[in-house]
Structure formats: structure tokens, C-alpha cells
Amino acid sequence: MKTAATHLYGVSTRCPDDIRSMADQARTAHDVTDDEGRVDVDLLLCQLGGRKISVNDRATLVVTKPGEFLVFERSWRTDRQRRFDIAQAIGRYHLLYLHPTPGRELVTISQDYGDGRDEVEANVFASTLLTPAAPFAAMWSAAADRQERVRATSVRFGVSPALAGHRAAILGLAGAD
């Protein structure tokens, strides 16, 4: 594992590149991406043994055992917010339960969402999971200007315009700034 990286909210014990790699591996291993790169997070959740329950309260992840967990999703969220929440919960399941930081206890309940290390790491996982690098970069590069790039990628991948712009910057794509 690479050295720790400093984030806006503190110090992560994992390098963001390691988290991105974990998200890429999860997506690829479960074959949940369509021909144009959009990830079916509901299918991935199901394949991992997760179930979702709509609630009006805080989003929560509850792990019973490996391959059996619940995601309490907020019923009032938009589709792209809901997709991100589920991807974030899948990230928490991987990062806090399946592959916890060495020396850290397994986390079986993770509530929404704070601003600490777990939140930052789950966000990195979710954004990578939802925007596979190659199809995202291809669509980004095909658009005429930044505004069209952000619009096209956010619609295609079911993410917010802010996430699309941030992902382009992370990938070092032209016109991302």
C-alpha cells in the first residue's frame, strides 16, 4: 500500500489510488457496466449480497456477515443522489468491512456520513465506481466544450455535474479546469 495522503478532512490511512483500484476491481469482477460505461449499482448491490430499504432518515449500512448487508437509503433523494448513496454504501462495505485498514476493528454499522476519513474514502470509492475511467474519458473528450462535457458525462453516468467535473480533473482530462 502507498503512503498516507492528506485530505481536506484529515489524513487517510489509504492512498486514494488504492481506493480507486478497489472500486475498479469491484466493478470489473461483477460485470455491472453496460456497453457505454454506466454502472448498475442496484445489480452490484444485489450481487454483493446487499439489500436496500427506503427510509426518510439517515442513510445507514448494516453488515450482518460477509455477503449479507442492508443499505438504508433515503427515499426523498433524486436518482443520481440515490445512485451515489448506494455506491458510497458499497464503498463502506468494502473499505470498513471486507478490507478494513490493518489494525482497525471491523465496522458493522456505518451511518451517514460526516466529514471524516471514512466519508472521504467512501466518496473516492463511489465516484470511481460510477465513472469508469476509459468510457468517461472517451465521452469527455468527444464533447465540444467544458459545459457540454460536464452535461454529457453527468447524464450518461448518472452523477452530479460537480462529480463529473471533479472526476475529469482527477483523470487529468483536457478542459477539466
Protein backbone atom coordinates (compact mmCIF):
# COMPACT_ATOMS: atom_id res chain seq x y z
CA MET A 1 0.00 0.00 0.00
CA LYS A 2 1.19 3.50 -0.76
CA THR A 3 1.84 6.17 1.84
CA ALA A 4 -0.97 8.05 3.52
CA ALA A 5 -2.37 11.06 1.72
CA THR A 6 -3.57 14.25 3.34
CA HIS A 7 -7.16 15.19 2.54
CA LEU A 8 -9.31 18.22 3.20
CA TYR A 9 -10.78 16.44 6.22
CA GLY A 10 -7.63 14.90 7.64
CA VAL A 11 -5.26 12.05 6.95
CA SER A 12 -6.31 8.86 5.22
CA THR A 13 -4.58 5.61 6.01
CA ARG A 14 -5.14 4.55 2.40
CA CYS A 15 -3.85 6.16 -0.73
CA PRO A 16 -6.71 7.38 -2.97
CA ASP A 17 -5.20 5.37 -5.83
CA ASP A 18 -5.60 2.19 -3.77
CA ILE A 19 -9.26 3.02 -3.14
CA ARG A 20 -9.83 3.75 -6.83
CA SER A 21 -8.22 0.43 -7.72
CA MET A 22 -10.51 -1.37 -5.27
CA ALA A 23 -13.58 0.29 -6.85
CA ASP A 24 -12.40 -0.61 -10.35
CA GLN A 25 -11.85 -4.21 -9.28
CA ALA A 26 -15.32 -4.44 -7.69
CA ARG A 27 -16.97 -3.07 -10.85
CA THR A 28 -14.99 -5.34 -13.19
CA ALA A 29 -15.32 -8.51 -11.11
CA HIS A 30 -19.10 -8.24 -11.05
CA ASP A 31 -19.62 -7.17 -14.69
CA VAL A 32 -22.17 -4.46 -13.88
CA THR A 33 -21.22 -1.93 -16.56
CA ASP A 34 -23.23 -1.54 -19.76
CA ASP A 35 -21.69 -1.08 -23.21
CA GLU A 36 -21.43 2.69 -22.73
CA GLY A 37 -19.90 2.56 -19.26
CA ARG A 38 -22.90 3.16 -16.98
CA VAL A 39 -22.76 1.10 -13.81
CA ASP A 40 -25.85 -0.69 -12.48
CA VAL A 41 -25.35 -0.07 -8.76
CA ASP A 42 -28.53 -1.92 -7.84
CA LEU A 43 -27.26 -5.06 -9.59
CA LEU A 44 -23.86 -4.73 -7.91
CA LEU A 45 -25.52 -4.30 -4.52
CA CYS A 46 -27.55 -7.46 -5.14
CA GLN A 47 -24.53 -9.44 -6.36
CA LEU A 48 -22.60 -8.48 -3.24
CA GLY A 49 -25.45 -9.73 -1.04
CA GLY A 50 -26.84 -6.33 -0.16
CA ARG A 51 -30.44 -5.29 0.12
CA LYS A 52 -31.84 -1.80 0.30
CA ILE A 53 -34.62 -0.38 2.39
CA SER A 54 -36.08 3.10 1.78
CA VAL A 55 -36.23 5.33 4.83
CA ASN A 56 -36.83 9.01 5.50
CA ASP A 57 -33.92 9.24 7.90
CA ARG A 58 -30.15 8.94 7.70
CA ALA A 59 -28.61 6.54 5.22
CA THR A 60 -27.03 3.63 7.06
CA LEU A 61 -25.10 0.48 6.25
CA VAL A 62 -25.64 -2.57 8.48
CA VAL A 63 -23.49 -5.65 7.84
CA THR A 64 -24.72 -8.98 9.20
CA LYS A 65 -21.91 -11.10 7.76
CA PRO A 66 -19.84 -11.24 4.57
CA GLY A 67 -22.29 -11.28 1.67
CA GLU A 68 -25.23 -10.10 3.77
CA PHE A 69 -25.84 -6.43 4.47
CA LEU A 70 -28.55 -3.77 4.39
CA VAL A 71 -28.41 -0.29 2.96
CA PHE A 72 -30.99 2.10 4.36
CA GLU A 73 -31.38 4.63 1.56
CA ARG A 74 -33.13 7.96 1.86
CA SER A 75 -36.38 7.79 -0.09
CA TRP A 76 -36.51 11.51 -0.90
CA ARG A 77 -33.24 11.63 -2.88
CA THR A 78 -33.02 12.13 -6.67
CA ASP A 79 -31.96 9.21 -8.84
CA ARG A 80 -28.36 10.40 -9.16
CA GLN A 81 -28.15 11.11 -5.41
CA ARG A 82 -29.56 7.65 -4.73
CA ARG A 83 -27.02 6.06 -7.11
CA PHE A 84 -24.20 7.86 -5.33
CA ASP A 85 -25.55 6.87 -1.90
CA ILE A 86 -25.67 3.20 -2.91
CA ALA A 87 -22.18 3.37 -4.45
CA GLN A 88 -20.95 5.05 -1.27
CA ALA A 89 -22.53 2.29 0.87
CA ILE A 90 -20.86 -0.35 -1.33
CA GLY A 91 -17.61 1.53 -0.75
CA ARG A 92 -18.16 1.49 3.01
CA TYR A 93 -18.87 -2.25 2.85
CA HIS A 94 -15.56 -2.83 1.03
CA LEU A 95 -13.44 -0.35 2.98
CA LEU A 96 -14.78 -0.86 6.50
CA TYR A 97 -15.85 -4.48 6.47
CA LEU A 98 -14.32 -6.58 3.68
CA HIS A 99 -10.95 -4.80 3.57
CA PRO A 100 -10.53 -2.77 6.76
CA THR A 101 -7.40 -0.80 7.44
CA PRO A 102 -4.90 -3.09 9.22
CA GLY A 103 -5.26 -2.84 12.98
CA ARG A 104 -8.77 -1.43 12.80
CA GLU A 105 -11.83 -3.28 14.05
CA LEU A 106 -14.46 -4.42 11.57
CA VAL A 107 -17.25 -1.89 11.23
CA THR A 108 -20.69 -3.45 11.00
CA ILE A 109 -22.78 -0.27 11.23
CA SER A 110 -21.89 2.92 9.38
CA GLN A 111 -24.21 5.89 9.48
CA ASP A 112 -24.46 8.83 7.16
CA TYR A 113 -21.96 10.40 6.70
CA GLY A 114 -19.99 13.06 8.44
CA ASP A 115 -16.79 14.57 7.21
CA GLY A 116 -14.07 12.26 8.45
CA ARG A 117 -11.71 9.79 6.84
CA ASP A 118 -14.41 7.16 6.25
CA GLU A 119 -16.52 9.71 4.37
CA VAL A 120 -13.65 10.82 2.15
CA GLU A 121 -12.67 7.24 1.35
CA ALA A 122 -16.27 6.21 0.59
CA ASN A 123 -16.62 9.23 -1.71
CA VAL A 124 -13.45 8.29 -3.61
CA PHE A 125 -14.73 4.71 -3.99
CA ALA A 126 -18.21 5.83 -5.11
CA SER A 127 -17.03 8.37 -7.67
CA THR A 128 -14.62 5.86 -9.20
CA LEU A 129 -17.19 3.08 -9.21
CA LEU A 130 -19.77 5.24 -11.02
CA THR A 131 -17.42 6.76 -13.62
CA PRO A 132 -15.17 4.11 -15.21
CA ALA A 133 -12.06 5.90 -16.48
CA ALA A 134 -11.95 4.79 -20.14
CA PRO A 135 -15.60 5.35 -21.11
CA PHE A 136 -15.72 8.54 -19.05
CA ALA A 137 -12.61 9.94 -20.74
CA ALA A 138 -13.91 8.99 -24.20
CA MET A 139 -17.21 10.79 -23.65
CA TRP A 140 -15.49 13.78 -22.05
CA SER A 141 -13.12 14.15 -25.00
CA ALA A 142 -15.89 13.86 -27.59
CA ALA A 143 -17.79 16.95 -26.38
CA ALA A 144 -17.10 20.40 -27.80
CA ASP A 145 -16.58 22.46 -24.65
CA ARG A 146 -16.40 22.13 -20.86
CA GLN A 147 -20.09 22.86 -20.29
CA GLU A 148 -21.14 20.19 -22.78
CA ARG A 149 -18.56 17.74 -21.38
CA VAL A 150 -19.90 18.14 -17.85
CA ARG A 151 -23.51 17.85 -19.00
CA ALA A 152 -22.93 14.81 -21.22
CA THR A 153 -20.87 12.85 -18.70
CA SER A 154 -23.14 13.65 -15.76
CA VAL A 155 -26.21 12.48 -17.69
CA ARG A 156 -24.55 9.38 -19.16
CA PHE A 157 -23.04 8.16 -15.90
CA GLY A 158 -25.92 9.27 -13.65
CA VAL A 159 -23.79 11.54 -11.46
CA SER A 160 -23.90 15.19 -10.50
CA PRO A 161 -22.24 17.81 -12.70
CA ALA A 162 -19.89 18.57 -9.80
CA LEU A 163 -18.78 14.94 -9.61
CA ALA A 164 -18.30 14.80 -13.40
CA GLY A 165 -16.07 17.88 -13.34
CA HIS A 166 -14.10 16.57 -10.37
CA ARG A 167 -13.62 13.14 -11.96
CA ALA A 168 -12.33 14.75 -15.15
CA ALA A 169 -9.80 16.72 -13.10
CA ILE A 170 -8.72 13.57 -11.20
CA LEU A 171 -8.21 11.81 -14.55
CA GLY A 172 -6.23 14.80 -15.85
CA LEU A 173 -8.52 15.31 -18.84
CA ALA A 174 -8.14 18.36 -21.04
CA GLY A 175 -10.59 21.14 -20.26
CA ALA A 176 -11.34 19.86 -16.78
CA ASP A 177 -10.13 23.02 -15.06
